[in-house]
Protein backbone atom coordinates (compact mmCIF):
# COMPACT_ATOMS: atom_id res chain seq x y z
CA MET A 1 173.40 214.83 113.57
CA ASN A 2 170.01 213.85 112.19
CA PRO A 3 170.71 211.79 109.04
CA THR A 4 167.36 212.54 107.39
CA THR A 5 167.73 216.29 107.83
CA PHE A 6 171.38 216.37 106.84
CA LEU A 7 171.05 214.22 103.71
CA SER A 8 168.25 216.43 102.47
CA ASP A 9 170.85 219.20 102.07
CA VAL A 10 173.27 217.06 100.06
CA PRO A 11 173.11 217.52 96.25
CA THR A 12 172.21 214.45 94.24
CA GLY A 13 172.32 215.81 90.68
CA LEU A 14 175.11 216.11 88.17
CA PHE A 15 177.19 219.27 88.64
CA ARG A 16 177.72 221.18 85.39
CA ASP A 17 178.01 224.88 84.55
CA GLY A 18 177.74 225.80 88.23
CA ALA A 19 174.41 224.03 88.79
CA PHE A 20 173.08 220.62 89.81
CA VAL A 21 171.00 218.99 87.09
CA ASP A 22 169.26 215.68 86.40
CA ALA A 23 170.72 213.09 84.07
CA SER A 24 169.55 213.55 80.49
CA ASP A 25 167.54 210.31 80.63
CA GLY A 26 166.38 210.85 84.22
CA GLY A 27 168.37 207.83 85.40
CA THR A 28 169.56 207.39 88.98
CA PHE A 29 171.40 204.83 91.09
CA GLU A 30 171.25 203.98 94.78
CA VAL A 31 173.89 204.89 97.34
CA ILE A 32 174.09 202.16 99.98
CA ASN A 33 175.02 202.58 103.64
CA PRO A 34 177.60 199.80 104.27
CA SER A 35 176.79 199.83 107.98
CA ASP A 36 173.37 198.24 107.49
CA GLY A 37 172.82 197.79 103.76
CA SER A 38 170.08 200.43 103.64
CA VAL A 39 169.64 202.94 100.82
CA LEU A 40 170.87 206.41 101.78
CA THR A 41 169.57 208.17 98.69
CA GLU A 42 169.54 208.06 94.89
CA VAL A 43 171.95 210.03 92.73
CA ALA A 44 171.70 211.09 89.10
CA SER A 45 173.48 208.66 86.81
CA ALA A 46 175.29 210.43 83.97
CA THR A 47 174.92 209.15 80.43
CA GLU A 48 177.63 209.48 77.80
CA GLU A 49 175.68 212.47 76.48
CA ASP A 50 175.86 214.07 79.93
CA ALA A 51 179.61 213.49 80.07
CA ARG A 52 180.10 215.12 76.69
CA ARG A 53 177.97 218.09 77.72
CA ALA A 54 180.16 218.43 80.79
CA LEU A 55 183.24 218.38 78.58
CA ASP A 56 181.62 221.04 76.40
CA SER A 57 181.35 223.29 79.45
CA LEU A 58 184.96 222.62 80.46
CA CYS A 59 186.22 223.47 76.99
CA ALA A 60 184.15 226.65 76.86
CA ALA A 61 185.58 227.79 80.20
CA GLN A 62 189.20 226.71 79.63
CA SER A 63 190.48 229.81 77.85
CA ASP A 64 189.15 232.30 80.39
CA TRP A 65 190.19 230.15 83.35
CA SER A 66 193.76 229.71 82.12
CA ALA A 67 193.94 233.47 81.53
CA THR A 68 192.72 234.22 85.04
CA PRO A 69 195.62 235.56 87.12
CA ALA A 70 197.15 232.92 89.34
CA ARG A 71 196.46 235.02 92.42
CA GLU A 72 192.73 235.07 91.66
CA ARG A 73 192.62 231.33 91.02
CA CYS A 74 194.47 230.64 94.24
CA GLU A 75 192.25 232.91 96.31
CA ILE A 76 189.36 230.68 95.24
CA LEU A 77 191.31 227.65 96.46
CA ARG A 78 191.97 229.36 99.77
CA ARG A 79 188.26 230.08 100.18
CA ALA A 80 187.56 226.44 99.37
CA PHE A 81 189.94 225.36 102.13
CA GLU A 82 188.17 227.60 104.62
CA LEU A 83 184.71 226.39 103.56
CA ILE A 84 185.71 222.74 103.86
CA MET A 85 186.97 223.31 107.38
CA ALA A 86 183.84 225.31 108.24
CA HIS A 87 181.77 222.29 107.17
CA GLU A 88 184.00 219.72 108.84
CA GLU A 89 181.21 218.00 110.75
CA GLU A 90 178.93 217.72 107.72
CA LEU A 91 181.70 216.24 105.58
CA THR A 92 182.79 213.92 108.39
CA TYR A 93 179.29 212.53 108.83
CA LEU A 94 178.68 212.29 105.08
CA GLN A 95 181.80 210.21 104.46
CA SER A 96 180.99 207.87 107.33
CA ALA A 97 177.42 207.49 106.09
CA GLU A 98 178.27 206.52 102.50
CA LEU A 99 181.56 204.72 103.19
CA GLY A 100 180.80 203.20 106.59
CA ARG A 101 184.10 204.51 107.91
CA ALA A 102 184.47 205.42 111.59
CA LEU A 103 184.02 209.10 112.43
CA PRO A 104 187.63 209.68 113.62
CA ASP A 105 188.99 208.49 110.26
CA SER A 106 186.49 210.58 108.32
CA ARG A 107 187.27 213.64 110.41
CA GLY A 108 190.96 213.14 109.66
CA GLU A 109 190.24 212.99 105.95
CA VAL A 110 188.44 216.33 106.02
CA SER A 111 191.58 218.03 107.33
CA TYR A 112 193.77 216.06 104.93
CA GLY A 113 191.61 216.81 101.89
CA ALA A 114 191.22 220.47 102.77
CA GLU A 115 194.97 220.85 103.05
CA PHE A 116 195.40 220.20 99.32
CA PHE A 117 193.42 223.34 98.59
CA ARG A 118 195.55 225.38 101.01
CA TRP A 119 198.81 223.86 99.71
CA PHE A 120 198.04 224.47 96.04
CA ALA A 121 196.64 227.92 96.81
CA GLU A 122 200.22 228.66 97.79
CA GLU A 123 201.92 226.65 95.03
CA GLY A 124 199.80 228.05 92.23
CA VAL A 125 201.42 231.49 92.50
CA ARG A 126 204.95 230.04 92.55
CA VAL A 127 205.16 228.24 89.21
CA ARG A 128 208.51 229.19 87.71
CA GLY A 129 209.94 229.04 84.23
CA ASP A 130 213.50 229.37 82.98
CA TYR A 131 215.62 231.82 80.99
CA ARG A 132 219.16 231.13 79.86
CA HIS A 133 221.54 231.36 76.90
CA SER A 134 222.06 228.35 74.70
CA PRO A 135 225.51 226.77 75.21
CA ALA A 136 226.03 227.17 71.45
CA GLY A 137 225.77 230.94 71.90
CA ASN A 138 223.16 231.38 69.20
CA ALA A 139 219.86 231.62 71.08
CA ARG A 140 218.08 232.56 74.24
CA ILE A 141 216.15 229.66 75.82
CA VAL A 142 212.88 230.58 77.49
CA VAL A 143 210.81 227.87 79.19
CA HIS A 144 207.25 228.73 80.13
CA HIS A 145 204.68 226.45 81.82
CA GLN A 146 201.14 226.40 80.47
CA PRO A 147 197.99 224.56 81.64
CA VAL A 148 197.53 221.12 80.11
CA GLY A 149 193.89 221.85 79.38
CA PRO A 150 190.61 220.06 80.17
CA CYS A 151 191.18 217.10 82.50
CA LEU A 152 189.23 214.00 83.47
CA ALA A 153 189.67 212.69 87.02
CA ILE A 154 188.38 209.28 88.07
CA THR A 155 188.45 208.76 91.83
CA PRO A 156 187.99 205.71 94.12
CA TRP A 157 185.53 205.06 96.92
CA ASN A 158 187.94 204.73 99.85
CA PHE A 159 188.82 208.45 100.18
CA PRO A 160 185.78 210.23 98.73
CA LEU A 161 187.03 213.72 99.62
CA ALA A 162 190.83 213.59 99.55
CA MET A 163 191.27 211.68 96.29
CA GLY A 164 189.25 214.31 94.47
CA ALA A 165 190.83 217.20 96.35
CA ARG A 166 194.38 216.25 95.43
CA LYS A 167 193.41 216.22 91.75
CA ILE A 168 191.03 219.19 91.66
CA ALA A 169 193.22 221.59 93.65
CA PRO A 170 196.40 221.35 91.53
CA ALA A 171 194.40 221.31 88.30
CA LEU A 172 192.60 224.52 89.23
CA ALA A 173 195.80 226.12 90.51
CA ALA A 174 197.52 225.32 87.21
CA GLY A 175 194.67 226.85 85.18
CA CYS A 176 193.00 223.63 84.00
CA THR A 177 189.31 222.86 83.95
CA ILE A 178 188.44 219.45 85.34
CA MET A 179 185.68 216.85 85.33
CA VAL A 180 185.45 214.35 88.21
CA LYS A 181 183.82 210.94 87.99
CA PRO A 182 183.49 209.83 91.65
CA ALA A 183 183.09 206.17 92.58
CA SER A 184 179.49 205.00 92.45
CA LYS A 185 179.79 203.73 96.04
CA THR A 186 180.63 207.18 97.41
CA PRO A 187 179.45 210.03 95.14
CA LEU A 188 177.83 212.22 97.80
CA THR A 189 180.99 213.69 99.30
CA MET A 190 182.26 214.87 95.92
CA LEU A 191 178.91 216.44 95.09
CA TYR A 192 178.99 218.26 98.42
CA LEU A 193 182.52 219.46 97.64
CA ALA A 194 181.25 220.82 94.29
CA LYS A 195 178.62 222.76 96.23
CA LEU A 196 181.33 224.27 98.45
CA LEU A 197 183.50 225.17 95.45
CA ALA A 198 180.55 226.98 93.91
CA GLU A 199 180.20 228.90 97.19
CA ALA A 200 183.91 229.72 96.92
CA ARG A 201 182.98 231.51 93.66
CA LEU A 202 184.61 229.11 91.26
CA PRO A 203 183.47 230.25 87.80
CA ASP A 204 180.76 228.23 86.09
CA GLY A 205 182.05 225.51 83.79
CA VAL A 206 185.49 225.14 85.38
CA LEU A 207 184.45 222.05 87.37
CA ALA A 208 182.05 219.24 86.53
CA VAL A 209 181.10 216.25 88.70
CA VAL A 210 179.45 213.36 86.87
CA PRO A 211 178.54 210.35 89.03
CA THR A 212 177.32 207.38 87.04
CA SER A 213 176.40 203.75 87.48
CA SER A 214 178.46 202.85 84.40
CA ALA A 215 182.01 204.15 84.31
CA SER A 216 182.28 203.44 80.57
CA ARG A 217 179.91 206.34 79.91
CA VAL A 218 182.57 208.73 81.16
CA SER A 219 185.70 206.88 80.05
CA ALA A 220 184.28 207.13 76.52
CA LEU A 221 185.61 210.70 76.62
CA LEU A 222 189.14 209.34 76.21
CA ASP A 223 188.37 209.27 72.49
CA ASP A 224 187.51 212.98 72.46
CA PRO A 225 190.39 215.10 71.07
CA ARG A 226 189.41 218.03 73.31
CA LEU A 227 190.35 216.14 76.46
CA ARG A 228 194.01 216.67 77.35
CA LYS A 229 194.65 214.67 80.51
CA LEU A 230 193.46 211.63 82.47
CA THR A 231 194.20 211.30 86.17
CA PHE A 232 193.04 208.05 87.76
CA THR A 233 193.21 206.50 91.21
CA GLY A 234 192.00 202.93 91.56
CA SER A 235 192.86 199.36 90.75
CA THR A 236 195.88 198.48 88.63
CA GLU A 237 193.76 196.49 86.18
CA VAL A 238 191.34 199.32 85.44
CA GLY A 239 194.09 201.96 85.43
CA GLN A 240 196.17 200.07 82.91
CA MET A 241 193.14 199.52 80.69
CA LEU A 242 192.32 203.24 80.72
CA ALA A 243 195.96 204.18 80.12
CA GLU A 244 196.08 201.88 77.11
CA LYS A 245 193.03 203.63 75.69
CA ALA A 246 194.49 207.05 76.47
CA ALA A 247 197.73 206.09 74.73
CA GLY A 248 195.82 205.88 71.48
CA ARG A 249 195.69 209.67 71.50
CA SER A 250 198.95 210.26 73.40
CA LEU A 251 196.87 211.69 76.22
CA ARG A 252 198.72 213.01 79.27
CA VAL A 253 198.19 210.41 82.03
CA SER A 254 198.85 210.11 85.74
CA LEU A 255 197.93 206.95 87.64
CA GLU A 256 197.84 205.99 91.32
CA LEU A 257 197.19 202.27 91.36
CA GLY A 258 197.31 199.28 93.67
CA GLY A 259 199.79 198.55 96.41
CA ASN A 260 201.17 195.66 98.44
CA ALA A 261 203.02 197.53 101.16
CA PRO A 262 205.63 195.68 103.23
CA TYR A 263 205.88 196.45 106.95
CA ILE A 264 209.39 195.47 108.02
CA VAL A 265 210.18 195.05 111.73
CA CYS A 266 213.91 194.54 112.32
CA GLU A 267 215.30 192.83 115.41
CA ASP A 268 216.47 196.19 116.80
CA ALA A 269 213.06 197.86 116.33
CA ASP A 270 211.15 199.50 119.16
CA LEU A 271 208.45 196.83 119.28
CA ASP A 272 206.00 198.95 121.24
CA LEU A 273 206.28 201.65 118.59
CA ALA A 274 206.05 199.12 115.74
CA ALA A 275 202.90 197.60 117.24
CA GLU A 276 201.26 200.95 118.02
CA ALA A 277 201.87 202.14 114.45
CA VAL A 278 199.72 199.25 113.23
CA ALA A 279 196.70 201.31 114.32
CA VAL A 280 197.38 203.77 111.51
CA ALA A 281 199.37 201.82 108.92
CA LYS A 282 196.94 198.88 108.92
CA MET A 283 193.65 199.93 110.49
CA ARG A 284 192.93 203.37 109.07
CA GLY A 285 189.68 203.04 107.16
CA ALA A 286 189.37 199.38 108.28
CA GLY A 287 192.44 198.61 106.18
CA GLN A 288 190.81 199.83 102.96
CA VAL A 289 193.68 202.12 102.02
CA CYS A 290 196.02 201.78 99.05
CA ILE A 291 199.07 202.45 101.25
CA ALA A 292 197.87 200.15 104.07
CA ALA A 293 200.53 197.78 105.38
CA ASN A 294 199.85 194.48 103.68
CA ARG A 295 202.77 192.11 104.33
CA PHE A 296 204.18 192.19 107.87
CA LEU A 297 207.78 191.02 107.57
CA VAL A 298 209.13 190.51 111.09
CA HIS A 299 212.58 189.36 112.14
CA SER A 300 212.24 185.80 113.40
CA SER A 301 213.87 186.64 116.75
CA VAL A 302 211.14 189.14 117.68
CA ARG A 303 208.16 187.65 115.87
CA ASP A 304 206.36 186.24 118.91
CA GLU A 305 206.76 189.42 120.94
CA PHE A 306 205.63 191.63 118.06
CA VAL A 307 202.62 189.42 117.33
CA GLU A 308 201.57 189.54 120.99
CA LYS A 309 201.72 193.33 121.00
CA ALA A 310 200.04 193.65 117.59
CA VAL A 311 197.19 191.35 118.66
CA ALA A 312 196.57 193.65 121.64
CA VAL A 313 196.47 196.71 119.36
CA MET A 314 194.22 195.08 116.75
CA GLY A 315 191.95 193.68 119.42
CA SER A 316 191.45 197.10 120.99
CA PHE A 317 189.43 198.42 118.03
CA ARG A 318 185.67 198.74 118.46
CA ILE A 319 183.64 197.75 115.41
CA GLY A 320 180.26 199.21 114.54
CA PRO A 321 178.32 201.55 112.23
CA GLY A 322 180.60 204.28 110.97
CA THR A 323 178.36 207.13 112.12
CA ASP A 324 178.16 205.90 115.75
CA GLU A 325 180.24 207.75 118.33
CA GLY A 326 182.86 205.58 120.00
CA VAL A 327 183.27 203.26 117.01
CA THR A 328 186.90 203.05 115.85
CA TYR A 329 186.43 200.99 112.71
CA GLY A 330 183.43 200.35 110.57
CA PRO A 331 182.29 197.88 107.91
CA LEU A 332 183.92 197.17 104.60
CA SER A 333 182.63 199.09 101.61
CA GLY A 334 180.33 196.38 100.24
CA ASP A 335 179.64 192.69 99.86
CA ASP A 336 182.23 192.48 97.09
CA GLN A 337 184.97 193.67 99.41
CA LEU A 338 183.73 191.46 102.24
CA GLU A 339 183.88 188.42 99.97
CA THR A 340 187.42 189.26 98.83
CA VAL A 341 188.81 189.62 102.36
CA SER A 342 187.00 186.51 103.59
CA SER A 343 188.33 184.39 100.74
CA LEU A 344 191.93 185.53 101.32
CA VAL A 345 191.77 184.64 105.01
CA ASP A 346 189.99 181.33 104.37
CA ASP A 347 192.59 180.34 101.78
CA ALA A 348 195.44 181.00 104.23
CA LEU A 349 193.70 179.04 107.01
CA ASP A 350 192.96 176.14 104.66
CA ARG A 351 196.66 175.98 103.87
CA GLY A 352 197.60 175.75 107.55
CA ALA A 353 198.01 179.35 108.77
CA SER A 354 197.39 180.16 112.44
CA ARG A 355 194.89 182.80 113.60
CA PRO A 356 195.76 184.28 117.03
CA LEU A 357 193.03 186.92 116.57
CA GLY A 358 189.77 186.90 114.63
CA GLY A 359 187.13 184.45 113.55
CA SER A 360 184.02 186.01 115.04
CA LEU A 361 182.17 189.31 115.25
CA PRO A 362 180.68 190.81 118.41
CA GLU A 363 176.95 190.60 118.91
CA GLY A 364 174.65 193.50 118.28
CA LEU A 365 175.93 194.67 114.88
CA PRO A 366 173.22 195.81 112.44
CA GLU A 367 171.97 193.19 110.04
CA GLY A 368 172.90 193.79 106.44
CA GLY A 369 176.22 195.50 107.25
CA PHE A 370 179.49 194.38 105.68
CA TYR A 371 181.51 193.73 108.82
CA TYR A 372 184.73 191.76 109.19
CA PRO A 373 186.56 191.15 112.48
CA THR A 374 190.10 192.34 113.15
CA THR A 375 192.30 189.38 112.27
CA VAL A 376 195.93 188.39 112.75
CA LEU A 377 197.46 185.51 110.78
CA THR A 378 200.81 183.83 111.36
CA ASP A 379 202.63 180.74 110.04
CA ILE A 380 201.28 181.48 106.58
CA PRO A 381 202.61 178.88 104.12
CA ALA A 382 204.14 179.76 100.79
CA GLY A 383 201.55 179.84 98.06
CA ALA A 384 198.84 181.47 100.16
CA GLU A 385 197.15 184.14 98.10
CA ILE A 386 197.18 186.63 100.96
CA LEU A 387 200.99 186.93 100.68
CA THR A 388 200.78 188.35 97.16
CA THR A 389 197.38 190.07 97.04
CA GLU A 390 196.35 193.47 98.36
CA ILE A 391 194.04 192.65 101.28
CA PHE A 392 192.07 195.90 101.69
CA GLY A 393 190.68 194.84 105.04
CA PRO A 394 191.47 194.65 108.79
CA VAL A 395 193.78 191.67 108.45
CA LEU A 396 197.42 191.55 109.61
CA ALA A 397 199.41 188.80 107.84
CA VAL A 398 202.82 188.00 109.37
CA ALA A 399 205.85 186.41 107.70
CA THR A 400 209.43 186.26 109.00
CA PHE A 401 212.97 186.97 107.80
CA ASP A 402 216.48 186.53 109.21
CA THR A 403 218.67 189.06 107.39
CA ASP A 404 218.28 192.57 106.02
CA ASP A 405 218.95 191.33 102.50
CA GLU A 406 216.19 188.76 102.88
CA ALA A 407 213.77 191.41 104.16
CA VAL A 408 214.49 193.72 101.23
CA ALA A 409 214.17 190.86 98.75
CA MET A 410 210.82 189.88 100.25
CA ALA A 411 209.64 193.50 100.22
CA ASN A 412 210.55 193.85 96.54
CA ASP A 413 209.04 190.50 95.50
CA THR A 414 205.90 192.07 94.07
CA PRO A 415 204.94 193.89 90.88
CA PHE A 416 203.76 196.79 93.05
CA GLY A 417 205.75 199.59 94.63
CA LEU A 418 203.55 202.20 96.25
CA ALA A 419 204.42 202.39 99.96
CA ALA A 420 206.57 200.63 102.55
CA TYR A 421 207.09 200.81 106.31
CA LEU A 422 210.32 200.09 108.16
CA PHE A 423 211.15 199.90 111.86
CA SER A 424 214.72 199.97 113.16
CA GLU A 425 216.49 201.97 115.87
CA ASN A 426 219.62 202.16 113.70
CA LEU A 427 219.20 205.18 111.40
CA SER A 428 221.96 204.16 108.98
CA ARG A 429 220.49 200.71 108.66
CA ALA A 430 216.99 202.11 108.15
CA LEU A 431 218.14 204.54 105.45
CA ASN A 432 220.12 201.84 103.68
CA MET A 433 217.13 199.52 103.58
CA ALA A 434 214.73 202.32 102.65
CA GLU A 435 216.86 203.26 99.65
CA ARG A 436 216.88 199.63 98.46
CA ILE A 437 213.14 199.07 98.80
CA GLU A 438 211.35 199.49 95.48
CA ALA A 439 208.56 201.84 96.53
CA GLY A 440 207.63 205.43 95.83
CA MET A 441 207.23 206.18 99.55
CA VAL A 442 208.85 204.72 102.67
CA ALA A 443 207.87 205.53 106.26
CA VAL A 444 210.58 204.93 108.87
CA ASN A 445 209.50 204.28 112.46
CA LYS A 446 206.00 205.62 111.87
CA GLY A 447 202.66 204.41 110.57
CA ALA A 448 201.44 207.66 109.04
CA LEU A 449 202.78 208.48 105.59
CA SER A 450 200.54 210.78 103.52
CA ASP A 451 201.28 214.51 103.52
CA PRO A 452 199.86 217.09 101.06
CA ALA A 453 203.27 218.80 101.09
CA ALA A 454 205.04 215.64 99.89
CA PRO A 455 204.88 213.77 96.57
CA PHE A 456 202.49 210.80 96.68
CA GLY A 457 202.90 208.01 94.14
CA GLY A 458 204.48 204.68 93.32
CA VAL A 459 206.79 202.78 91.04
CA LYS A 460 206.44 199.62 88.98
CA GLU A 461 202.74 198.72 88.57
CA SER A 462 201.66 201.11 91.32
CA GLY A 463 201.42 204.09 89.04
CA ILE A 464 202.82 206.96 87.03
CA GLY A 465 203.32 210.51 88.28
CA ARG A 466 203.01 212.19 91.68
CA GLU A 467 200.26 214.00 93.54
CA GLY A 468 200.89 216.63 96.21
CA GLY A 469 204.18 218.28 97.11
CA PHE A 470 206.06 220.62 94.79
CA GLU A 471 205.70 218.03 92.06
CA GLY A 472 201.90 217.83 92.09
CA ILE A 473 201.10 220.98 90.13
CA HIS A 474 203.44 219.99 87.30
CA GLU A 475 201.18 217.04 86.48
CA TYR A 476 198.81 219.72 85.11
CA LEU A 477 201.36 221.92 83.34
CA GLU A 478 203.14 221.56 80.02
CA PRO A 479 206.57 223.18 79.58
CA LYS A 480 206.81 225.29 76.44
CA PHE A 481 210.21 226.15 74.97
CA ILE A 482 210.47 229.52 73.24
CA SER A 483 213.68 230.16 71.31
CA LEU A 484 214.79 233.77 70.89
CA PRO A 485 217.76 235.12 68.96
CA LEU A 486 220.71 236.59 70.85
């Protein structure tokens, strides 16, 4: 695919009232290609005035959209699913260009993101209420679900299609209008999705996309009484700050925040399977995934064998520019992320950790790219920052345990609780440990976890609410109780 020709077809304006427009002050910001540090294009940078105009359009469209029959709303979602899949190659290339991610991972995200539109096209016509008699015998209880109202979605850079899709699709299915503020690192995919939704005949004003170089210009809307919900995916620090601001107006909030996923390998695990699953659980998106395995907790009796197999898997990945065929993992998202990963590894090595894999990059990589080699660390001493910090990079950090109780205690020794991975050939043991692990999601004997048909979310400081599954649409609905006389 010719990048110059393709990028010329990608919108770069703000999306409002069914059209792409310039920022009110004409401002733009650059979108950088992480593979070589070059500028892909410039995108309109929304001002606070632009954000409020977008909210104006959402509020004007809310009444008609919520009154639109569910079947009509969901037919639009179904068309969106079909359009996304029809433009799979364009979306695959676009994500790899602005994120640097390898083409196989970007192609997988297109299918994953599209599936939210198909899932909620089906769920949107199945929202049920309740009718029953009061136990006191003096009233009929009717429970009806209504759209929350205009929503603000703030999405991260690491899944530029799917993170927006799993917010937009249920909001639209529920009858809510929604504004999306995509990450400034990766705004192009969301703008392209807005173009496809317009082609799916989504009414003007129901969706707005407002990229900006300053997130505060959009988060200022949390003070606007017309806004009814905030949905945020990103860092715990930023999410908690936004939630605190939203609490000032008792705004409906859902948060998907940071993780520190344990990857437990018991002594009875299938070690070949546990090592092979590293390719997905750790290396998808070069490790820049909120549910990526972060702390590899391996039974001491099988540590050496597991490490040997995991080194072979990690070492098999081919690094390079994300848009190159044959590349299996690309650069990190920027120099900020590269610095974070480098400092975590350096700290562990300075404290005495061993590095059976890593330390150097292959020759021939483009200058200016944000590349980091696949790395495996063992013998990490207590106190190393990498044992308590989300890595967000292609680094496998191994610690050991001797009993199931110790493994569970180590897994739970974190303020986060998003995802966990567990490998054991004993199903009863695996279920027992999975139930004791403090995480919103646990994968047993597999490295893949996300599924649009299942609830995604965490506990503790990893978030509030769930996205996807039967639960996802209810994040955008309010139950209303209507009392009738007998």
